[in-house]
Amino acid sequence: MRMSRLAANPKEVRMRWNSLSRLTLMTALVAGSAMAAEAEFDLGAPITDGRLTLYPLLPKGPVDDSDYLTLDEALDKKLLRVAETSESGTVNTLHVTSTAKGPIFAMAGELLLGGKQDRIVGQAVVIPAGAKGLAVPVFCVEHGRWNGGDGRFGSGKALVHTKLRQTASFKGQGDVWNEVAKTNAKLSTQNATDTYRAAQQKLGKETASGTKRVLAALDKAGGKVVGVAVAVGNDVRSVEAYISPKLWGRLREKILASYVGEALADAGPVGEHLRRPSEKDVQAFMTRAVSAKKDGEKNVGGGKQLNFDDSELQGQAVMDARPEAADKAKKPVQRVYYKK
């Protein structure tokens, strides 16, 4: 599918968010309530590529320097072992052991290859330093296999496409299998074990050039970016923010590739024939995110996950619940909201 030439407004657009008309993103999460508006972000100039529009999120005020190893980094450096729970295994749980000196952050939807069947991380998780046999929720993305070598996993070096990522965050194993099967059928990547890895390999090739252009545009935009608001066509689809520019910088290529893939799969006009969302449209989505009610919480690894729900969107925030991270206990490591 052809994509239009990358465009970025050279003049940065700034919007300070507070109340409902000038939106404030929250960084404190209060039990039993929606997010509390304490810290503000500016919205950078929109970056467009084909049907994709990205608004960089820029912290207004002091920049947090929190840092976490990513799943890929930890596996590449052999600081993390991901394995089946036992010789017989458990479909929706894996065990991780870390020898890293600091915490590791794994995103929901990151692809793990090997073991008895390929999996994706089911819920975003903070893995504490020195964790031993820590249970991590996962989903199977290879319905037709249950066997394999030493039961260990390597990274698939990818974040699954946005729809599957959202499905993993808020639905169950059956829904994940259905989405994998639909994707393989759509991409003509059906295979004997119905694994997602074939689809991911094809998506990786198709999204490579678009991801490279978007990354270059973000670099030119400058500023301490901590996330993005995302639109495809005229639809605001999601918004996600991270605790620091350092963590966003480590994860952004995977995240942006996922959104480039979503835009490629979305048919419709491009260029001058496409009416993109206005800043008010983005504000409206963000306002709903801010006001969404909390819909449960649970401990996952070394973090606490809070879910938020609204008639039009659903979201999650991951807090660092490690005792040594008490000073960060009110600031989410990750916040992601998706349009339903």
Protein backbone atom coordinates (compact mmCIF):
# COMPACT_ATOMS: atom_id res chain seq x y z
CA MET A 1 0.00 0.00 0.00
CA ARG A 2 1.42 3.40 -0.94
CA MET A 3 1.82 6.10 1.68
CA SER A 4 1.93 9.82 1.12
CA ARG A 5 5.10 11.83 1.63
CA LEU A 6 5.83 12.58 5.29
CA ALA A 7 4.70 15.97 6.49
CA ALA A 8 5.39 17.80 9.74
CA ASN A 9 4.41 21.34 10.55
CA PRO A 10 7.70 23.22 11.10
CA LYS A 11 6.12 25.49 13.67
CA GLU A 12 5.45 23.71 16.94
CA VAL A 13 1.90 23.86 18.15
CA ARG A 14 1.55 24.23 21.90
CA MET A 15 -1.57 23.42 23.88
CA ARG A 16 -1.58 23.53 27.63
CA TRP A 17 -4.06 21.18 29.06
CA ASN A 18 -6.07 22.08 32.10
CA SER A 19 -9.71 21.57 33.01
CA LEU A 20 -11.87 20.61 30.02
CA SER A 21 -11.07 23.30 27.49
CA ARG A 22 -7.26 23.24 28.01
CA LEU A 23 -6.68 19.63 28.89
CA THR A 24 -4.49 18.31 31.70
CA LEU A 25 -3.09 14.79 31.63
CA MET A 26 -2.88 13.30 35.07
CA THR A 27 0.07 11.71 36.62
CA ALA A 28 -1.42 10.83 39.99
CA LEU A 29 -3.79 7.92 40.36
CA VAL A 30 -6.12 7.96 43.33
CA ALA A 31 -7.76 4.75 44.52
CA GLY A 32 -11.45 4.67 43.64
CA SER A 33 -11.32 7.64 41.31
CA ALA A 34 -10.14 8.66 37.87
CA MET A 35 -6.76 10.31 37.38
CA ALA A 36 -6.04 13.49 39.31
CA ALA A 37 -4.81 16.37 37.17
CA GLU A 38 -1.45 17.33 38.62
CA ALA A 39 1.09 17.55 35.84
CA GLU A 40 0.59 19.07 32.40
CA PHE A 41 1.89 18.20 28.97
CA ASP A 42 2.14 20.23 25.81
CA LEU A 43 0.93 18.82 22.52
CA GLY A 44 3.57 19.04 19.80
CA ALA A 45 2.96 19.81 16.15
CA PRO A 46 1.18 16.98 14.31
CA ILE A 47 3.26 14.60 12.23
CA THR A 48 1.48 12.93 9.32
CA ASP A 49 2.28 9.93 7.16
CA GLY A 50 -0.41 8.55 4.88
CA ARG A 51 -3.53 8.16 7.01
CA LEU A 52 -1.55 8.33 10.25
CA THR A 53 -1.39 11.47 12.41
CA LEU A 54 0.76 11.63 15.55
CA TYR A 55 0.76 14.37 18.19
CA PRO A 56 3.91 14.19 20.36
CA LEU A 57 3.35 14.59 24.11
CA LEU A 58 5.83 16.96 25.73
CA PRO A 59 6.18 17.37 29.52
CA LYS A 60 5.65 20.93 30.70
CA GLY A 61 7.95 21.51 33.61
CA PRO A 62 10.65 19.27 35.15
CA VAL A 63 11.46 16.19 33.10
CA ASP A 64 11.48 12.86 34.90
CA ASP A 65 14.68 10.84 34.45
CA SER A 66 13.28 7.43 35.45
CA ASP A 67 14.70 4.61 33.40
CA TYR A 68 13.89 0.95 32.90
CA LEU A 69 15.45 -1.76 30.79
CA THR A 70 13.14 -2.97 28.05
CA LEU A 71 12.23 -6.58 27.43
CA ASP A 72 14.38 -6.69 24.29
CA GLU A 73 17.40 -5.15 26.01
CA ALA A 74 17.20 -7.51 28.96
CA LEU A 75 16.89 -10.59 26.74
CA ASP A 76 19.64 -9.46 24.37
CA LYS A 77 22.01 -8.87 27.31
CA LYS A 78 21.02 -12.22 28.86
CA LEU A 79 19.83 -10.44 31.99
CA LEU A 80 16.38 -11.99 31.77
CA ARG A 81 15.25 -15.58 31.43
CA VAL A 82 11.70 -16.19 30.22
CA ALA A 83 10.48 -19.76 30.46
CA GLU A 84 7.49 -22.05 30.84
CA THR A 85 6.23 -22.43 34.40
CA SER A 86 7.16 -26.13 34.44
CA GLU A 87 7.83 -29.07 32.14
CA SER A 88 4.09 -29.34 31.48
CA GLY A 89 3.68 -25.55 31.14
CA THR A 90 0.74 -23.17 31.62
CA VAL A 91 -0.83 -21.46 28.61
CA ASN A 92 -1.42 -18.07 30.19
CA THR A 93 1.56 -17.77 32.53
CA LEU A 94 5.32 -17.68 32.07
CA HIS A 95 8.05 -17.34 34.70
CA VAL A 96 10.79 -14.72 34.47
CA THR A 97 14.08 -14.52 36.33
CA SER A 98 16.15 -11.35 36.25
CA THR A 99 19.83 -10.75 37.00
CA ALA A 100 19.55 -7.08 36.00
CA LYS A 101 20.57 -4.47 38.58
CA GLY A 102 17.49 -2.37 37.85
CA PRO A 103 13.83 -2.85 36.90
CA ILE A 104 12.67 -4.12 33.51
CA PHE A 105 9.46 -2.93 31.84
CA ALA A 106 7.56 -5.21 29.46
CA MET A 107 4.60 -3.91 27.42
CA ALA A 108 1.36 -5.76 26.81
CA GLY A 109 1.58 -7.13 23.26
CA GLU A 110 5.34 -7.70 23.06
CA LEU A 111 6.03 -10.89 21.12
CA LEU A 112 7.86 -13.84 22.70
CA LEU A 113 8.96 -16.74 20.48
CA GLY A 114 9.73 -20.31 21.54
CA GLY A 115 8.64 -22.45 24.46
CA LYS A 116 5.73 -24.77 23.89
CA GLN A 117 4.00 -22.09 21.82
CA ASP A 118 4.63 -18.45 20.88
CA ARG A 119 3.16 -15.94 23.35
CA ILE A 120 2.65 -12.23 23.82
CA VAL A 121 2.92 -10.37 27.11
CA GLY A 122 -0.66 -10.19 28.37
CA GLN A 123 -0.40 -7.26 30.77
CA ALA A 124 2.24 -4.56 31.09
CA VAL A 125 4.58 -5.51 33.92
CA VAL A 126 7.43 -4.07 35.97
CA ILE A 127 9.99 -6.83 36.66
CA PRO A 128 12.02 -6.03 39.79
CA ALA A 129 15.79 -6.48 39.91
CA GLY A 130 16.64 -9.98 41.09
CA ALA A 131 13.17 -11.40 40.41
CA LYS A 132 13.15 -15.19 40.56
CA GLY A 133 10.36 -17.23 38.99
CA LEU A 134 8.08 -14.18 38.80
CA ALA A 135 4.74 -15.05 37.19
CA VAL A 136 3.92 -12.92 34.14
CA PRO A 137 0.52 -13.09 32.39
CA VAL A 138 0.71 -13.99 28.71
CA PHE A 139 -1.51 -15.02 25.81
CA CYS A 140 -0.87 -17.78 23.31
CA VAL A 141 -0.54 -16.59 19.70
CA GLU A 142 0.17 -20.05 18.26
CA HIS A 143 -2.97 -22.11 18.65
CA GLY A 144 -1.72 -25.29 16.97
CA ARG A 145 1.48 -26.13 18.89
CA TRP A 146 2.22 -27.33 22.43
CA ASN A 147 5.77 -28.68 22.45
CA GLY A 148 9.29 -27.40 22.28
CA GLY A 149 12.91 -27.67 23.41
CA ASP A 150 13.98 -26.31 26.76
CA GLY A 151 10.87 -24.19 27.29
CA ARG A 152 12.72 -20.88 26.99
CA PHE A 153 11.76 -17.81 24.98
CA GLY A 154 13.46 -15.16 22.90
CA SER A 155 12.10 -11.81 21.84
CA GLY A 156 10.12 -11.47 18.63
CA LYS A 157 11.52 -7.90 18.46
CA ALA A 158 8.04 -6.56 17.85
CA LEU A 159 4.90 -5.18 19.40
CA VAL A 160 1.84 -6.79 17.83
CA HIS A 161 -0.55 -4.68 15.75
CA THR A 162 -2.74 -2.28 17.70
CA LYS A 163 -5.99 -4.27 17.56
CA LEU A 164 -4.29 -7.39 18.95
CA ARG A 165 -2.49 -5.32 21.56
CA GLN A 166 -5.81 -3.84 22.72
CA THR A 167 -7.45 -7.28 22.70
CA ALA A 168 -4.69 -8.68 24.92
CA SER A 169 -5.07 -5.79 27.38
CA PHE A 170 -8.82 -6.05 27.86
CA LYS A 171 -10.13 -9.42 26.63
CA GLY A 172 -9.37 -13.13 26.90
CA GLN A 173 -7.47 -15.97 25.23
CA GLY A 174 -10.29 -16.87 22.84
CA ASP A 175 -10.46 -13.28 21.60
CA VAL A 176 -6.69 -13.25 21.09
CA TRP A 177 -6.79 -16.46 19.04
CA ASN A 178 -9.63 -15.07 16.93
CA GLU A 179 -7.69 -11.88 16.20
CA VAL A 180 -4.55 -13.85 15.29
CA ALA A 181 -6.56 -16.06 12.90
CA LYS A 182 -8.24 -13.03 11.29
CA THR A 183 -4.88 -11.33 10.82
CA ASN A 184 -3.26 -14.40 9.25
CA ALA A 185 -6.21 -14.73 6.88
CA LYS A 186 -6.11 -11.03 5.96
CA LEU A 187 -2.36 -11.08 5.30
CA SER A 188 -2.37 -14.53 3.63
CA THR A 189 0.05 -15.79 6.27
CA GLN A 190 -1.95 -18.84 7.36
CA ASN A 191 0.33 -21.61 8.64
CA ALA A 192 0.22 -25.07 10.19
CA THR A 193 0.26 -23.91 13.83
CA ASP A 194 -1.60 -20.62 13.28
CA THR A 195 1.28 -18.68 14.82
CA TYR A 196 1.32 -14.90 14.66
CA ARG A 197 5.05 -14.76 13.87
CA ALA A 198 4.44 -15.12 10.12
CA ALA A 199 2.06 -12.16 10.16
CA GLN A 200 4.53 -10.15 12.21
CA GLN A 201 7.35 -10.82 9.77
CA LYS A 202 5.21 -9.58 6.90
CA LEU A 203 4.01 -6.54 8.86
CA GLY A 204 7.59 -5.75 9.82
CA LYS A 205 8.61 -5.50 6.17
CA GLU A 206 5.57 -3.42 5.23
CA THR A 207 5.95 -0.95 8.11
CA ALA A 208 9.74 -0.50 8.04
CA SER A 209 9.89 2.54 5.74
CA GLY A 210 6.93 4.31 7.36
CA THR A 211 8.33 3.76 10.84
CA LYS A 212 11.68 5.16 9.75
CA ARG A 213 10.03 8.32 8.38
CA VAL A 214 7.97 8.89 11.51
CA LEU A 215 11.00 8.42 13.77
CA ALA A 216 12.97 10.94 11.72
CA ALA A 217 10.14 13.46 11.96
CA LEU A 218 9.95 13.05 15.73
CA ASP A 219 13.69 13.62 16.00
CA LYS A 220 13.38 16.86 14.01
CA ALA A 221 10.47 18.05 16.15
CA GLY A 222 12.73 18.21 19.20
CA GLY A 223 11.55 18.42 22.78
CA LYS A 224 11.41 15.80 25.48
CA VAL A 225 8.75 13.51 24.05
CA VAL A 226 7.12 11.02 26.45
CA GLY A 227 4.38 9.59 24.23
CA VAL A 228 1.90 10.23 21.44
CA ALA A 229 -1.76 10.83 20.68
CA VAL A 230 -2.65 8.81 17.58
CA ALA A 231 -5.22 9.26 14.83
CA VAL A 232 -5.87 7.11 11.77
CA GLY A 233 -7.86 8.82 9.07
CA ASN A 234 -10.21 11.18 10.90
CA ASP A 235 -10.40 8.92 13.92
CA VAL A 236 -8.53 9.54 17.17
CA ARG A 237 -7.62 5.96 18.08
CA SER A 238 -5.39 6.11 21.15
CA VAL A 239 -3.08 8.02 23.42
CA GLU A 240 -0.18 6.73 25.44
CA ALA A 241 2.37 8.33 27.73
CA TYR A 242 5.40 7.06 29.64
CA ILE A 243 7.06 8.12 32.86
CA SER A 244 10.10 9.65 31.16
CA PRO A 245 11.65 10.54 27.80
CA LYS A 246 14.25 7.84 28.48
CA LEU A 247 11.70 5.04 28.66
CA TRP A 248 9.70 6.38 25.71
CA GLY A 249 12.92 6.58 23.71
CA ARG A 250 13.69 2.93 24.38
CA LEU A 251 10.20 1.78 23.36
CA ARG A 252 9.12 4.21 20.68
CA GLU A 253 10.25 2.30 17.57
CA LYS A 254 8.14 -0.74 18.48
CA ILE A 255 5.16 1.41 19.42
CA LEU A 256 5.27 3.56 16.30
CA ALA A 257 5.65 0.51 14.05
CA SER A 258 2.42 -0.84 15.54
CA TYR A 259 0.57 2.37 14.67
CA VAL A 260 2.09 2.58 11.18
CA GLY A 261 0.76 -0.94 10.62
CA GLU A 262 -2.70 0.08 11.78
CA ALA A 263 -2.72 3.01 9.37
CA LEU A 264 -1.56 0.80 6.48
CA ALA A 265 -4.46 -1.56 7.10
CA ASP A 266 -6.99 1.31 7.11
CA ALA A 267 -8.45 2.02 3.67
CA GLY A 268 -9.48 5.52 2.70
CA PRO A 269 -8.30 8.83 1.25
CA VAL A 270 -4.88 10.34 1.91
CA GLY A 271 -3.26 13.72 1.31
CA GLU A 272 -5.51 16.68 0.55
CA HIS A 273 -8.58 14.45 0.36
CA LEU A 274 -8.23 13.39 4.00
CA ARG A 275 -9.79 15.50 6.73
CA ARG A 276 -7.59 14.85 9.72
CA PRO A 277 -8.72 15.29 13.33
CA SER A 278 -8.49 18.81 14.67
CA GLU A 279 -6.79 19.72 17.93
CA LYS A 280 -10.27 19.93 19.45
CA ASP A 281 -10.91 16.33 18.40
CA VAL A 282 -7.74 15.24 20.16
CA GLN A 283 -8.70 17.32 23.20
CA ALA A 284 -12.12 15.66 23.31
CA PHE A 285 -10.56 12.20 23.35
CA MET A 286 -8.11 13.23 26.05
CA THR A 287 -10.88 14.77 28.12
CA ARG A 288 -12.77 11.49 28.06
CA ALA A 289 -9.58 9.69 29.10
CA VAL A 290 -9.08 12.04 32.03
CA SER A 291 -12.65 11.59 33.22
CA ALA A 292 -12.90 7.80 32.68
CA LYS A 293 -13.81 5.92 35.84
CA LYS A 294 -11.53 3.39 37.42
CA ASP A 295 -12.68 -0.13 36.62
CA GLY A 296 -10.56 -2.31 38.88
CA GLU A 297 -6.93 -2.82 39.79
CA LYS A 298 -4.55 -5.71 40.34
CA ASN A 299 -0.93 -6.38 41.13
CA VAL A 300 1.15 -7.65 38.22
CA GLY A 301 4.81 -8.45 38.87
CA GLY A 302 6.40 -5.48 40.60
CA GLY A 303 3.67 -3.12 39.44
CA LYS A 304 0.05 -2.27 39.97
CA GLN A 305 -2.32 -2.10 37.02
CA LEU A 306 -5.36 0.15 37.06
CA ASN A 307 -8.08 -0.14 34.44
CA PHE A 308 -10.31 2.72 33.31
CA ASP A 309 -13.51 2.53 31.33
CA ASP A 310 -15.86 4.86 29.49
CA SER A 311 -18.61 4.24 26.96
CA GLU A 312 -16.23 5.16 24.13
CA LEU A 313 -12.75 4.24 25.36
CA GLN A 314 -10.83 1.97 27.71
CA GLY A 315 -7.48 2.48 29.33
CA GLN A 316 -4.79 1.14 31.63
CA ALA A 317 -2.17 2.69 33.84
CA VAL A 318 0.79 0.80 35.28
CA MET A 319 2.30 1.98 38.56
CA ASP A 320 5.71 0.93 39.90
CA ALA A 321 4.79 -0.81 43.16
CA ARG A 322 8.31 -1.82 44.20
CA PRO A 323 9.07 -0.69 47.79
CA GLU A 324 12.23 1.08 46.61
CA ALA A 325 10.15 3.08 44.11
CA ALA A 326 7.88 4.68 46.71
CA ASP A 327 8.75 8.14 45.42
CA LYS A 328 7.27 7.14 42.04
CA ALA A 329 4.21 5.42 43.45
CA LYS A 330 1.86 8.15 42.23
CA LYS A 331 3.29 8.50 38.75
CA PRO A 332 2.37 5.93 36.09
CA VAL A 333 5.16 4.16 34.27
CA GLN A 334 2.77 3.79 31.34
CA ARG A 335 -0.72 5.04 30.45
CA VAL A 336 -2.55 3.79 27.37
CA TYR A 337 -6.10 4.61 26.25
CA TYR A 338 -7.79 3.08 23.22
CA LYS A 339 -11.00 3.90 21.40
CA LYS A 340 -13.47 1.03 21.82
